[in-house]
Amino acid sequence: MEGNAPMLREMVSNLIDNAVSYGERARLSVTRANGEVLVRVEDDGPGMSAEALASAADPFYRGDASRNRTTGGAGLGLTLADAIAKAHGGSLALENRTPRGFAATIKLPDAMQGAT
């Protein structure tokens, strides 16, 4: 499957914007392994409660107090990232980092796998 470049840019941009807004800085990594491309964005912020993690990709969801309306946005960034990943045959995983921080990982099929 080939990707839609504007949609993929929007997906990564949303993840980076969230990391910068809520976690002070963002780190982006892209790796290829086992027929997949992993796009991971990490921050050093407070992370999310277990309840917030479970709902974070729901439309218009705005979770913990540290992730409030004053930081901007409408609560659609993770929803769109999840939808774009799924439209490309992938998935979005959200997790807290230890001892502090948050990570969003997109798994996509590697379009170059098996290409000659």
PDB file of N, CA and C in Angstrom:
ATOM      1  N   MET A   1       0.851  -1.181   0.000  1.00  0.00           N
ATOM      2  CA  MET A   1       0.000   0.000   0.000  1.00  0.00           C
ATOM      3  C   MET A   1       0.895   1.242   0.000  1.00  0.00           C
ATOM      4  N   GLU A   2       0.602   2.160  -0.882  1.00  0.00           N
ATOM      5  CA  GLU A   2       1.318   3.435  -0.898  1.00  0.00           C
ATOM      6  C   GLU A   2       0.532   4.444  -0.075  1.00  0.00           C
ATOM      7  N   GLY A   3       1.259   5.378   0.512  1.00  0.00           N
ATOM      8  CA  GLY A   3       0.621   6.338   1.401  1.00  0.00           C
ATOM      9  C   GLY A   3       0.248   7.632   0.719  1.00  0.00           C
ATOM     10  N   ASN A   4      -0.708   8.301   1.318  1.00  0.00           N
ATOM     11  CA  ASN A   4      -1.127   9.632   0.909  1.00  0.00           C
ATOM     12  C   ASN A   4      -0.238  10.620   1.668  1.00  0.00           C
ATOM     13  N   ALA A   5       0.712  11.222   0.978  1.00  0.00           N
ATOM     14  CA  ALA A   5       1.722  12.066   1.624  1.00  0.00           C
ATOM     15  C   ALA A   5       1.121  13.216   2.451  1.00  0.00           C
ATOM     16  N   PRO A   6       0.142  13.971   1.936  1.00  0.00           N
ATOM     17  CA  PRO A   6      -0.413  15.045   2.765  1.00  0.00           C
ATOM     18  C   PRO A   6      -1.064  14.524   4.053  1.00  0.00           C
ATOM     19  N   MET A   7      -1.756  13.407   3.960  1.00  0.00           N
ATOM     20  CA  MET A   7      -2.380  12.838   5.163  1.00  0.00           C
ATOM     21  C   MET A   7      -1.325  12.367   6.160  1.00  0.00           C
ATOM     22  N   LEU A   8      -0.270  11.724   5.665  1.00  0.00           N
ATOM     23  CA  LEU A   8       0.790  11.244   6.550  1.00  0.00           C
ATOM     24  C   LEU A   8       1.516  12.409   7.213  1.00  0.00           C
ATOM     25  N   ARG A   9       1.738  13.487   6.467  1.00  0.00           N
ATOM     26  CA  ARG A   9       2.344  14.688   7.060  1.00  0.00           C
ATOM     27  C   ARG A   9       1.455  15.247   8.169  1.00  0.00           C
ATOM     28  N   GLU A  10       0.155  15.298   7.915  1.00  0.00           N
ATOM     29  CA  GLU A  10      -0.799  15.795   8.914  1.00  0.00           C
ATOM     30  C   GLU A  10      -0.766  14.917  10.164  1.00  0.00           C
ATOM     31  N   MET A  11      -0.707  13.612   9.986  1.00  0.00           N
ATOM     32  CA  MET A  11      -0.658  12.678  11.104  1.00  0.00           C
ATOM     33  C   MET A  11       0.568  12.954  11.984  1.00  0.00           C
ATOM     34  N   VAL A  12       1.738  13.032  11.360  1.00  0.00           N
ATOM     35  CA  VAL A  12       2.973  13.265  12.115  1.00  0.00           C
ATOM     36  C   VAL A  12       2.971  14.667  12.726  1.00  0.00           C
ATOM     37  N   SER A  13       2.491  15.645  11.988  1.00  0.00           N
ATOM     38  CA  SER A  13       2.418  17.014  12.492  1.00  0.00           C
ATOM     39  C   SER A  13       1.548  17.093  13.744  1.00  0.00           C
ATOM     40  N   ASN A  14       0.409  16.408  13.738  1.00  0.00           N
ATOM     41  CA  ASN A  14      -0.477  16.406  14.908  1.00  0.00           C
ATOM     42  C   ASN A  14       0.231  15.825  16.126  1.00  0.00           C
ATOM     43  N   LEU A  15       0.968  14.737  15.937  1.00  0.00           N
ATOM     44  CA  LEU A  15       1.673  14.112  17.054  1.00  0.00           C
ATOM     45  C   LEU A  15       2.774  15.022  17.587  1.00  0.00           C
ATOM     46  N   ILE A  16       3.506  15.662  16.684  1.00  0.00           N
ATOM     47  CA  ILE A  16       4.572  16.576  17.113  1.00  0.00           C
ATOM     48  C   ILE A  16       3.978  17.797  17.817  1.00  0.00           C
ATOM     49  N   ASP A  17       2.915  18.363  17.263  1.00  0.00           N
ATOM     50  CA  ASP A  17       2.267  19.518  17.897  1.00  0.00           C
ATOM     51  C   ASP A  17       1.818  19.181  19.316  1.00  0.00           C
ATOM     52  N   ASN A  18       1.220  18.006  19.508  1.00  0.00           N
ATOM     53  CA  ASN A  18       0.791  17.593  20.845  1.00  0.00           C
ATOM     54  C   ASN A  18       1.984  17.485  21.787  1.00  0.00           C
ATOM     55  N   ALA A  19       3.053  16.864  21.322  1.00  0.00           N
ATOM     56  CA  ALA A  19       4.234  16.680  22.167  1.00  0.00           C
ATOM     57  C   ALA A  19       4.824  18.023  22.592  1.00  0.00           C
ATOM     58  N   VAL A  20       4.897  18.964  21.677  1.00  0.00           N
ATOM     59  CA  VAL A  20       5.446  20.282  21.998  1.00  0.00           C
ATOM     60  C   VAL A  20       4.499  21.045  22.925  1.00  0.00           C
ATOM     61  N   SER A  21       3.207  20.955  22.672  1.00  0.00           N
ATOM     62  CA  SER A  21       2.226  21.685  23.488  1.00  0.00           C
ATOM     63  C   SER A  21       2.149  21.164  24.912  1.00  0.00           C
ATOM     64  N   TYR A  22       2.193  19.849  25.082  1.00  0.00           N
ATOM     65  CA  TYR A  22       1.946  19.255  26.389  1.00  0.00           C
ATOM     66  C   TYR A  22       3.190  18.709  27.063  1.00  0.00           C
ATOM     67  N   GLY A  23       4.266  18.568  26.317  1.00  0.00           N
ATOM     68  CA  GLY A  23       5.423  17.900  26.886  1.00  0.00           C
ATOM     69  C   GLY A  23       6.729  18.630  26.745  1.00  0.00           C
ATOM     70  N   GLU A  24       6.691  19.931  26.494  1.00  0.00           N
ATOM     71  CA  GLU A  24       7.875  20.778  26.460  1.00  0.00           C
ATOM     72  C   GLU A  24       8.733  20.608  25.212  1.00  0.00           C
ATOM     73  N   ARG A  25       8.957  19.388  24.780  1.00  0.00           N
ATOM     74  CA  ARG A  25       9.751  19.150  23.564  1.00  0.00           C
ATOM     75  C   ARG A  25       9.277  17.844  22.946  1.00  0.00           C
ATOM     76  N   ALA A  26       9.657  17.650  21.695  1.00  0.00           N
ATOM     77  CA  ALA A  26       9.265  16.439  20.976  1.00  0.00           C
ATOM     78  C   ALA A  26      10.499  15.760  20.397  1.00  0.00           C
ATOM     79  N   ARG A  27      10.472  14.440  20.426  1.00  0.00           N
ATOM     80  CA  ARG A  27      11.494  13.636  19.753  1.00  0.00           C
ATOM     81  C   ARG A  27      10.783  12.713  18.784  1.00  0.00           C
ATOM     82  N   LEU A  28      11.251  12.715  17.552  1.00  0.00           N
ATOM     83  CA  LEU A  28      10.659  11.905  16.497  1.00  0.00           C
ATOM     84  C   LEU A  28      11.656  10.836  16.077  1.00  0.00           C
ATOM     85  N   SER A  29      11.187   9.612  15.964  1.00  0.00           N
ATOM     86  CA  SER A  29      12.022   8.546  15.413  1.00  0.00           C
ATOM     87  C   SER A  29      11.189   7.755  14.414  1.00  0.00           C
ATOM     88  N   VAL A  30      11.867   7.293  13.370  1.00  0.00           N
ATOM     89  CA  VAL A  30      11.223   6.461  12.348  1.00  0.00           C
ATOM     90  C   VAL A  30      12.126   5.261  12.140  1.00  0.00           C
ATOM     91  N   THR A  31      11.567   4.065  12.298  1.00  0.00           N
ATOM     92  CA  THR A  31      12.332   2.836  12.107  1.00  0.00           C
ATOM     93  C   THR A  31      11.546   1.872  11.227  1.00  0.00           C
ATOM     94  N   ARG A  32      12.288   0.983  10.598  1.00  0.00           N
ATOM     95  CA  ARG A  32      11.681  -0.069   9.768  1.00  0.00           C
ATOM     96  C   ARG A  32      12.116  -1.409  10.343  1.00  0.00           C
ATOM     97  N   ALA A  33      11.151  -2.294  10.540  1.00  0.00           N
ATOM     98  CA  ALA A  33      11.454  -3.630  11.049  1.00  0.00           C
ATOM     99  C   ALA A  33      10.271  -4.546  10.798  1.00  0.00           C
ATOM    100  N   ASN A  34      10.569  -5.781  10.435  1.00  0.00           N
ATOM    101  CA  ASN A  34       9.540  -6.816  10.304  1.00  0.00           C
ATOM    102  C   ASN A  34       8.355  -6.403   9.436  1.00  0.00           C
ATOM    103  N   GLY A  35       8.633  -5.738   8.336  1.00  0.00           N
ATOM    104  CA  GLY A  35       7.573  -5.356   7.413  1.00  0.00           C
ATOM    105  C   GLY A  35       6.737  -4.173   7.853  1.00  0.00           C
ATOM    106  N   GLU A  36       7.210  -3.451   8.865  1.00  0.00           N
ATOM    107  CA  GLU A  36       6.472  -2.296   9.357  1.00  0.00           C
ATOM    108  C   GLU A  36       7.383  -1.072   9.444  1.00  0.00           C
ATOM    109  N   VAL A  37       6.758   0.087   9.367  1.00  0.00           N
ATOM    110  CA  VAL A  37       7.431   1.345   9.644  1.00  0.00           C
ATOM    111  C   VAL A  37       6.825   1.862  10.945  1.00  0.00           C
ATOM    112  N   LEU A  38       7.694   2.174  11.904  1.00  0.00           N
ATOM    113  CA  LEU A  38       7.241   2.701  13.186  1.00  0.00           C
ATOM    114  C   LEU A  38       7.618   4.173  13.274  1.00  0.00           C
ATOM    115  N   VAL A  39       6.616   5.012  13.470  1.00  0.00           N
ATOM    116  CA  VAL A  39       6.814   6.442  13.654  1.00  0.00           C
ATOM    117  C   VAL A  39       6.469   6.724  15.113  1.00  0.00           C
ATOM    118  N   ARG A  40       7.460   7.173  15.864  1.00  0.00           N
ATOM    119  CA  ARG A  40       7.267   7.377  17.304  1.00  0.00           C
ATOM    120  C   ARG A  40       7.587   8.825  17.668  1.00  0.00           C
ATOM    121  N   VAL A  41       6.677   9.448  18.406  1.00  0.00           N
ATOM    122  CA  VAL A  41       6.873  10.804  18.915  1.00  0.00           C
ATOM    123  C   VAL A  41       6.792  10.727  20.431  1.00  0.00           C
ATOM    124  N   GLU A  42       7.862  11.182  21.090  1.00  0.00           N
ATOM    125  CA  GLU A  42       7.934  11.163  22.549  1.00  0.00           C
ATOM    126  C   GLU A  42       8.034  12.585  23.082  1.00  0.00           C
ATOM    127  N   ASP A  43       7.517  12.782  24.295  1.00  0.00           N
ATOM    128  CA  ASP A  43       7.695  14.057  24.976  1.00  0.00           C
ATOM    129  C   ASP A  43       8.128  13.807  26.410  1.00  0.00           C
ATOM    130  N   ASP A  44       8.420  14.883  27.122  1.00  0.00           N
ATOM    131  CA  ASP A  44       8.868  14.802  28.508  1.00  0.00           C
ATOM    132  C   ASP A  44       7.840  15.381  29.468  1.00  0.00           C
ATOM    133  N   GLY A  45       6.604  15.432  29.052  1.00  0.00           N
ATOM    134  CA  GLY A  45       5.553  16.022  29.877  1.00  0.00           C
ATOM    135  C   GLY A  45       5.066  15.083  30.963  1.00  0.00           C
ATOM    136  N   PRO A  46       3.916  15.414  31.534  1.00  0.00           N
ATOM    137  CA  PRO A  46       3.390  14.662  32.670  1.00  0.00           C
ATOM    138  C   PRO A  46       2.736  13.332  32.297  1.00  0.00           C
ATOM    139  N   GLY A  47       2.562  13.059  31.014  1.00  0.00           N
ATOM    140  CA  GLY A  47       1.841  11.846  30.625  1.00  0.00           C
ATOM    141  C   GLY A  47       0.349  12.024  30.831  1.00  0.00           C
ATOM    142  N   MET A  48      -0.373  10.905  30.841  1.00  0.00           N
ATOM    143  CA  MET A  48      -1.828  10.929  30.991  1.00  0.00           C
ATOM    144  C   MET A  48      -2.248   9.884  32.012  1.00  0.00           C
ATOM    145  N   SER A  49      -3.382  10.123  32.623  1.00  0.00           N
ATOM    146  CA  SER A  49      -3.944   9.112  33.516  1.00  0.00           C
ATOM    147  C   SER A  49      -4.390   7.914  32.676  1.00  0.00           C
ATOM    148  N   ALA A  50      -4.598   6.780  33.321  1.00  0.00           N
ATOM    149  CA  ALA A  50      -5.066   5.580  32.611  1.00  0.00           C
ATOM    150  C   ALA A  50      -6.406   5.847  31.926  1.00  0.00           C
ATOM    151  N   GLU A  51      -7.281   6.593  32.593  1.00  0.00           N
ATOM    152  CA  GLU A  51      -8.586   6.935  32.017  1.00  0.00           C
ATOM    153  C   GLU A  51      -8.420   7.785  30.758  1.00  0.00           C
ATOM    154  N   ALA A  52      -7.535   8.774  30.828  1.00  0.00           N
ATOM    155  CA  ALA A  52      -7.298   9.650  29.680  1.00  0.00           C
ATOM    156  C   ALA A  52      -6.688   8.870  28.521  1.00  0.00           C
ATOM    157  N   LEU A  53      -5.758   7.961  28.808  1.00  0.00           N
ATOM    158  CA  LEU A  53      -5.153   7.152  27.743  1.00  0.00           C
ATOM    159  C   LEU A  53      -6.205   6.338  27.001  1.00  0.00           C
ATOM    160  N   ALA A  54      -7.161   5.807  27.738  1.00  0.00           N
ATOM    161  CA  ALA A  54      -8.202   4.966  27.129  1.00  0.00           C
ATOM    162  C   ALA A  54      -9.108   5.759  26.193  1.00  0.00           C
ATOM    163  N   SER A  55      -9.237   7.060  26.412  1.00  0.00           N
ATOM    164  CA  SER A  55     -10.158   7.888  25.621  1.00  0.00           C
ATOM    165  C   SER A  55      -9.456   8.898  24.728  1.00  0.00           C
ATOM    166  N   ALA A  56      -8.144   8.973  24.787  1.00  0.00           N
ATOM    167  CA  ALA A  56      -7.399  10.052  24.140  1.00  0.00           C
ATOM    168  C   ALA A  56      -7.640  10.180  22.643  1.00  0.00           C
ATOM    169  N   ALA A  57      -7.904   9.085  21.942  1.00  0.00           N
ATOM    170  CA  ALA A  57      -8.122   9.144  20.500  1.00  0.00           C
ATOM    171  C   ALA A  57      -9.592   9.358  20.138  1.00  0.00           C
ATOM    172  N   ASP A  58     -10.455   9.487  21.144  1.00  0.00           N
ATOM    173  CA  ASP A  58     -11.874   9.754  20.880  1.00  0.00           C
ATOM    174  C   ASP A  58     -12.037  11.197  20.414  1.00  0.00           C
ATOM    175  N   PRO A  59     -12.958  11.436  19.471  1.00  0.00           N
ATOM    176  CA  PRO A  59     -13.160  12.806  18.984  1.00  0.00           C
ATOM    177  C   PRO A  59     -13.508  13.779  20.109  1.00  0.00           C
ATOM    178  N   PHE A  60     -12.872  14.927  20.084  1.00  0.00           N
ATOM    179  CA  PHE A  60     -13.109  16.047  20.994  1.00  0.00           C
ATOM    180  C   PHE A  60     -12.721  15.758  22.443  1.00  0.00           C
ATOM    181  N   TYR A  61     -12.051  14.636  22.694  1.00  0.00           N
ATOM    182  CA  TYR A  61     -11.642  14.325  24.066  1.00  0.00           C
ATOM    183  C   TYR A  61     -10.494  15.228  24.484  1.00  0.00           C
ATOM    184  N   ARG A  62     -10.634  15.839  25.636  1.00  0.00           N
ATOM    185  CA  ARG A  62      -9.569  16.655  26.226  1.00  0.00           C
ATOM    186  C   ARG A  62      -9.432  16.160  27.646  1.00  0.00           C
ATOM    187  N   GLY A  63      -8.298  15.568  27.948  1.00  0.00           N
ATOM    188  CA  GLY A  63      -8.123  14.834  29.194  1.00  0.00           C
ATOM    189  C   GLY A  63      -7.667  15.643  30.373  1.00  0.00           C
ATOM    190  N   ASP A  64      -6.596  15.188  30.968  1.00  0.00           N
ATOM    191  CA  ASP A  64      -6.068  15.696  32.223  1.00  0.00           C
ATOM    192  C   ASP A  64      -5.928  17.213  32.239  1.00  0.00           C
ATOM    193  N   ALA A  65      -5.870  17.756  33.448  1.00  0.00           N
ATOM    194  CA  ALA A  65      -5.768  19.211  33.612  1.00  0.00           C
ATOM    195  C   ALA A  65      -4.566  19.790  32.877  1.00  0.00           C
ATOM    196  N   SER A  66      -3.485  19.034  32.769  1.00  0.00           N
ATOM    197  CA  SER A  66      -2.306  19.532  32.061  1.00  0.00           C
ATOM    198  C   SER A  66      -2.548  19.614  30.561  1.00  0.00           C
ATOM    199  N   ARG A  67      -3.589  18.951  30.106  1.00  0.00           N
ATOM    200  CA  ARG A  67      -3.931  18.943  28.691  1.00  0.00           C
ATOM    201  C   ARG A  67      -5.275  19.646  28.539  1.00  0.00           C
ATOM    202  N   ASN A  68      -5.308  20.927  28.843  1.00  0.00           N
ATOM    203  CA  ASN A  68      -6.578  21.637  28.877  1.00  0.00           C
ATOM    204  C   ASN A  68      -6.727  22.592  27.701  1.00  0.00           C
ATOM    205  N   ARG A  69      -7.857  23.236  27.642  1.00  0.00           N
ATOM    206  CA  ARG A  69      -8.212  24.097  26.515  1.00  0.00           C
ATOM    207  C   ARG A  69      -7.253  25.277  26.346  1.00  0.00           C
ATOM    208  N   THR A  70      -6.585  25.701  27.415  1.00  0.00           N
ATOM    209  CA  THR A  70      -5.678  26.847  27.299  1.00  0.00           C
ATOM    210  C   THR A  70      -4.461  26.514  26.448  1.00  0.00           C
ATOM    211  N   THR A  71      -4.183  25.234  26.254  1.00  0.00           N
ATOM    212  CA  THR A  71      -3.055  24.852  25.414  1.00  0.00           C
ATOM    213  C   THR A  71      -3.448  24.844  23.941  1.00  0.00           C
ATOM    214  N   GLY A  72      -4.702  25.118  23.640  1.00  0.00           N
ATOM    215  CA  GLY A  72      -5.159  25.176  22.261  1.00  0.00           C
ATOM    216  C   GLY A  72      -5.696  23.852  21.764  1.00  0.00           C
ATOM    217  N   GLY A  73      -6.224  23.870  20.567  1.00  0.00           N
ATOM    218  CA  GLY A  73      -6.723  22.643  19.961  1.00  0.00           C
ATOM    219  C   GLY A  73      -8.155  22.343  20.331  1.00  0.00           C
ATOM    220  N   ALA A  74      -8.722  21.404  19.581  1.00  0.00           N
ATOM    221  CA  ALA A  74     -10.119  21.032  19.782  1.00  0.00           C
ATOM    222  C   ALA A  74     -10.283  19.595  20.222  1.00  0.00           C
ATOM    223  N   GLY A  75      -9.184  18.910  20.472  1.00  0.00           N
ATOM    224  CA  GLY A  75      -9.282  17.514  20.868  1.00  0.00           C
ATOM    225  C   GLY A  75      -9.431  16.576  19.691  1.00  0.00           C
ATOM    226  N   LEU A  76      -8.908  16.967  18.532  1.00  0.00           N
ATOM    227  CA  LEU A  76      -9.024  16.120  17.340  1.00  0.00           C
ATOM    228  C   LEU A  76      -7.690  15.596  16.816  1.00  0.00           C
ATOM    229  N   GLY A  77      -6.572  16.083  17.334  1.00  0.00           N
ATOM    230  CA  GLY A  77      -5.266  15.700  16.808  1.00  0.00           C
ATOM    231  C   GLY A  77      -5.005  14.209  16.857  1.00  0.00           C
ATOM    232  N   LEU A  78      -5.229  13.579  18.007  1.00  0.00           N
ATOM    233  CA  LEU A  78      -5.007  12.135  18.125  1.00  0.00           C
ATOM    234  C   LEU A  78      -6.075  11.348  17.364  1.00  0.00           C
ATOM    235  N   THR A  79      -7.288  11.880  17.325  1.00  0.00           N
ATOM    236  CA  THR A  79      -8.361  11.234  16.557  1.00  0.00           C
ATOM    237  C   THR A  79      -7.984  11.163  15.083  1.00  0.00           C
ATOM    238  N   LEU A  80      -7.490  12.282  14.553  1.00  0.00           N
ATOM    239  CA  LEU A  80      -7.084  12.308  13.145  1.00  0.00           C
ATOM    240  C   LEU A  80      -5.869  11.423  12.895  1.00  0.00           C
ATOM    241  N   ALA A  81      -4.897  11.455  13.801  1.00  0.00           N
ATOM    242  CA  ALA A  81      -3.716  10.599  13.643  1.00  0.00           C
ATOM    243  C   ALA A  81      -4.127   9.137  13.612  1.00  0.00           C
ATOM    244  N   ASP A  82      -5.031   8.744  14.492  1.00  0.00           N
ATOM    245  CA  ASP A  82      -5.523   7.362  14.537  1.00  0.00           C
ATOM    246  C   ASP A  82      -6.252   7.009  13.242  1.00  0.00           C
ATOM    247  N   ALA A  83      -7.116   7.896  12.767  1.00  0.00           N
ATOM    248  CA  ALA A  83      -7.880   7.636  11.536  1.00  0.00           C
ATOM    249  C   ALA A  83      -6.954   7.532  10.317  1.00  0.00           C
ATOM    250  N   ILE A  84      -5.954   8.387  10.251  1.00  0.00           N
ATOM    251  CA  ILE A  84      -5.019   8.356   9.123  1.00  0.00           C
ATOM    252  C   ILE A  84      -4.197   7.074   9.164  1.00  0.00           C
ATOM    253  N   ALA A  85      -3.741   6.687  10.347  1.00  0.00           N
ATOM    254  CA  ALA A  85      -2.992   5.429  10.476  1.00  0.00           C
ATOM    255  C   ALA A  85      -3.852   4.261  10.004  1.00  0.00           C
ATOM    256  N   LYS A  86      -5.093   4.199  10.457  1.00  0.00           N
ATOM    257  CA  LYS A  86      -6.001   3.106  10.068  1.00  0.00           C
ATOM    258  C   LYS A  86      -6.278   3.131   8.566  1.00  0.00           C
ATOM    259  N   ALA A  87      -6.417   4.319   7.979  1.00  0.00           N
ATOM    260  CA  ALA A  87      -6.660   4.433   6.537  1.00  0.00           C
ATOM    261  C   ALA A  87      -5.486   3.894   5.726  1.00  0.00           C
ATOM    262  N   HIS A  88      -4.313   3.835   6.347  1.00  0.00           N
ATOM    263  CA  HIS A  88      -3.111   3.320   5.685  1.00  0.00           C
ATOM    264  C   HIS A  88      -2.773   1.901   6.141  1.00  0.00           C
ATOM    265  N   GLY A  89      -3.740   1.236   6.769  1.00  0.00           N
ATOM    266  CA  GLY A  89      -3.534  -0.143   7.212  1.00  0.00           C
ATOM    267  C   GLY A  89      -2.706  -0.259   8.474  1.00  0.00           C
ATOM    268  N   GLY A  90      -2.641   0.816   9.255  1.00  0.00           N
ATOM    269  CA  GLY A  90      -1.815   0.827  10.453  1.00  0.00           C
ATOM    270  C   GLY A  90      -2.610   1.022  11.720  1.00  0.00           C
ATOM    271  N   SER A  91      -1.881   1.429  12.768  1.00  0.00           N
ATOM    272  CA  SER A  91      -2.503   1.619  14.071  1.00  0.00           C
ATOM    273  C   SER A  91      -1.752   2.691  14.854  1.00  0.00           C
ATOM    274  N   LEU A  92      -2.418   3.207  15.884  1.00  0.00           N
ATOM    275  CA  LEU A  92      -1.842   4.182  16.803  1.00  0.00           C
ATOM    276  C   LEU A  92      -1.831   3.574  18.195  1.00  0.00           C
ATOM    277  N   ALA A  93      -0.702   3.656  18.878  1.00  0.00           N
ATOM    278  CA  ALA A  93      -0.601   3.215  20.274  1.00  0.00           C
ATOM    279  C   ALA A  93      -0.116   4.393  21.111  1.00  0.00           C
ATOM    280  N   LEU A  94      -0.743   4.575  22.258  1.00  0.00           N
ATOM    281  CA  LEU A  94      -0.398   5.663  23.169  1.00  0.00           C
ATOM    282  C   LEU A  94       0.049   5.066  24.491  1.00  0.00           C
ATOM    283  N   GLU A  95       1.099   5.644  25.067  1.00  0.00           N
ATOM    284  CA  GLU A  95       1.586   5.115  26.338  1.00  0.00           C
ATOM    285  C   GLU A  95       2.333   6.190  27.118  1.00  0.00           C
ATOM    286  N   ASN A  96       2.326   6.029  28.425  1.00  0.00           N
ATOM    287  CA  ASN A  96       3.150   6.856  29.287  1.00  0.00           C
ATOM    288  C   ASN A  96       4.550   6.278  29.321  1.00  0.00           C
ATOM    289  N   ARG A  97       5.531   7.163  29.420  1.00  0.00           N
ATOM    290  CA  ARG A  97       6.923   6.743  29.537  1.00  0.00           C
ATOM    291  C   ARG A  97       7.339   6.820  30.996  1.00  0.00           C
ATOM    292  N   THR A  98       8.308   6.014  31.370  1.00  0.00           N
ATOM    293  CA  THR A  98       8.805   6.003  32.736  1.00  0.00           C
ATOM    294  C   THR A  98      10.179   6.643  32.771  1.00  0.00           C
ATOM    295  N   PRO A  99      10.468   7.519  33.681  1.00  0.00           N
ATOM    296  CA  PRO A  99       9.648   7.918  34.820  1.00  0.00           C
ATOM    297  C   PRO A  99       8.673   9.039  34.494  1.00  0.00           C
ATOM    298  N   ARG A 100       8.795   9.637  33.304  1.00  0.00           N
ATOM    299  CA  ARG A 100       7.961  10.781  32.947  1.00  0.00           C
ATOM    300  C   ARG A 100       7.878  10.868  31.437  1.00  0.00           C
ATOM    301  N   GLY A 101       6.751  11.324  30.961  1.00  0.00           N
ATOM    302  CA  GLY A 101       6.615  11.557  29.534  1.00  0.00           C
ATOM    303  C   GLY A 101       5.515  10.727  28.909  1.00  0.00           C
ATOM    304  N   PHE A 102       5.356  10.936  27.627  1.00  0.00           N
ATOM    305  CA  PHE A 102       4.271  10.332  26.842  1.00  0.00           C
ATOM    306  C   PHE A 102       4.839   9.945  25.487  1.00  0.00           C
ATOM    307  N   ALA A 103       4.309   8.889  24.906  1.00  0.00           N
ATOM    308  CA  ALA A 103       4.742   8.469  23.574  1.00  0.00           C
ATOM    309  C   ALA A 103       3.535   8.053  22.745  1.00  0.00           C
ATOM    310  N   ALA A 104       3.559   8.451  21.495  1.00  0.00           N
ATOM    311  CA  ALA A 104       2.577   8.019  20.505  1.00  0.00           C
ATOM    312  C   ALA A 104       3.345   7.288  19.409  1.00  0.00           C
ATOM    313  N   THR A 105       2.929   6.056  19.127  1.00  0.00           N
ATOM    314  CA  THR A 105       3.611   5.249  18.117  1.00  0.00           C
ATOM    315  C   THR A 105       2.624   4.837  17.038  1.00  0.00           C
ATOM    316  N   ILE A 106       2.967   5.161  15.809  1.00  0.00           N
ATOM    317  CA  ILE A 106       2.178   4.751  14.648  1.00  0.00           C
ATOM    318  C   ILE A 106       2.896   3.567  14.008  1.00  0.00           C
ATOM    319  N   LYS A 107       2.168   2.493  13.748  1.00  0.00           N
ATOM    320  CA  LYS A 107       2.688   1.348  12.997  1.00  0.00           C
ATOM    321  C   LYS A 107       2.005   1.355  11.638  1.00  0.00           C
ATOM    322  N   LEU A 108       2.811   1.314  10.596  1.00  0.00           N
ATOM    323  CA  LEU A 108       2.300   1.291   9.225  1.00  0.00           C
ATOM    324  C   LEU A 108       2.950   0.131   8.476  1.00  0.00           C
ATOM    325  N   PRO A 109       2.241  -0.449   7.512  1.00  0.00           N
ATOM    326  CA  PRO A 109       2.890  -1.455   6.684  1.00  0.00           C
ATOM    327  C   PRO A 109       4.000  -0.814   5.868  1.00  0.00           C
ATOM    328  N   ASP A 110       5.112  -1.516   5.728  1.00  0.00           N
ATOM    329  CA  ASP A 110       6.255  -1.009   4.960  1.00  0.00           C
ATOM    330  C   ASP A 110       5.983  -1.228   3.474  1.00  0.00           C
ATOM    331  N   ALA A 111       5.689  -0.139   2.773  1.00  0.00           N
ATOM    332  CA  ALA A 111       5.363  -0.221   1.346  1.00  0.00           C
ATOM    333  C   ALA A 111       6.558  -0.697   0.529  1.00  0.00           C
ATOM    334  N   MET A 112       7.759  -0.564   1.078  1.00  0.00           N
ATOM    335  CA  MET A 112       8.968  -0.987   0.359  1.00  0.00           C
ATOM    336  C   MET A 112       9.273  -2.462   0.576  1.00  0.00           C
ATOM    337  N   GLN A 113       8.586  -3.092   1.524  1.00  0.00           N
ATOM    338  CA  GLN A 113       8.819  -4.511   1.809  1.00  0.00           C
ATOM    339  C   GLN A 113       8.545  -5.334   0.555  1.00  0.00           C
ATOM    340  N   GLY A 114       9.522  -6.046   0.107  1.00  0.00           N
ATOM    341  CA  GLY A 114       9.361  -6.895  -1.058  1.00  0.00           C
ATOM    342  C   GLY A 114       9.486  -6.175  -2.388  1.00  0.00           C
ATOM    343  N   ALA A 115       9.702  -4.848  -2.377  1.00  0.00           N
ATOM    344  CA  ALA A 115       9.847  -4.096  -3.623  1.00  0.00           C
ATOM    345  C   ALA A 115      11.213  -4.413  -4.234  1.00  0.00           C
ATOM    346  N   THR A 116      11.247  -4.431  -5.522  1.00  0.00           N
ATOM    347  CA  THR A 116      12.537  -4.702  -6.202  1.00  0.00           C
ATOM    348  C   THR A 116      13.056  -3.480  -6.888  1.00  0.00           C
TER     349      THR A 116
END
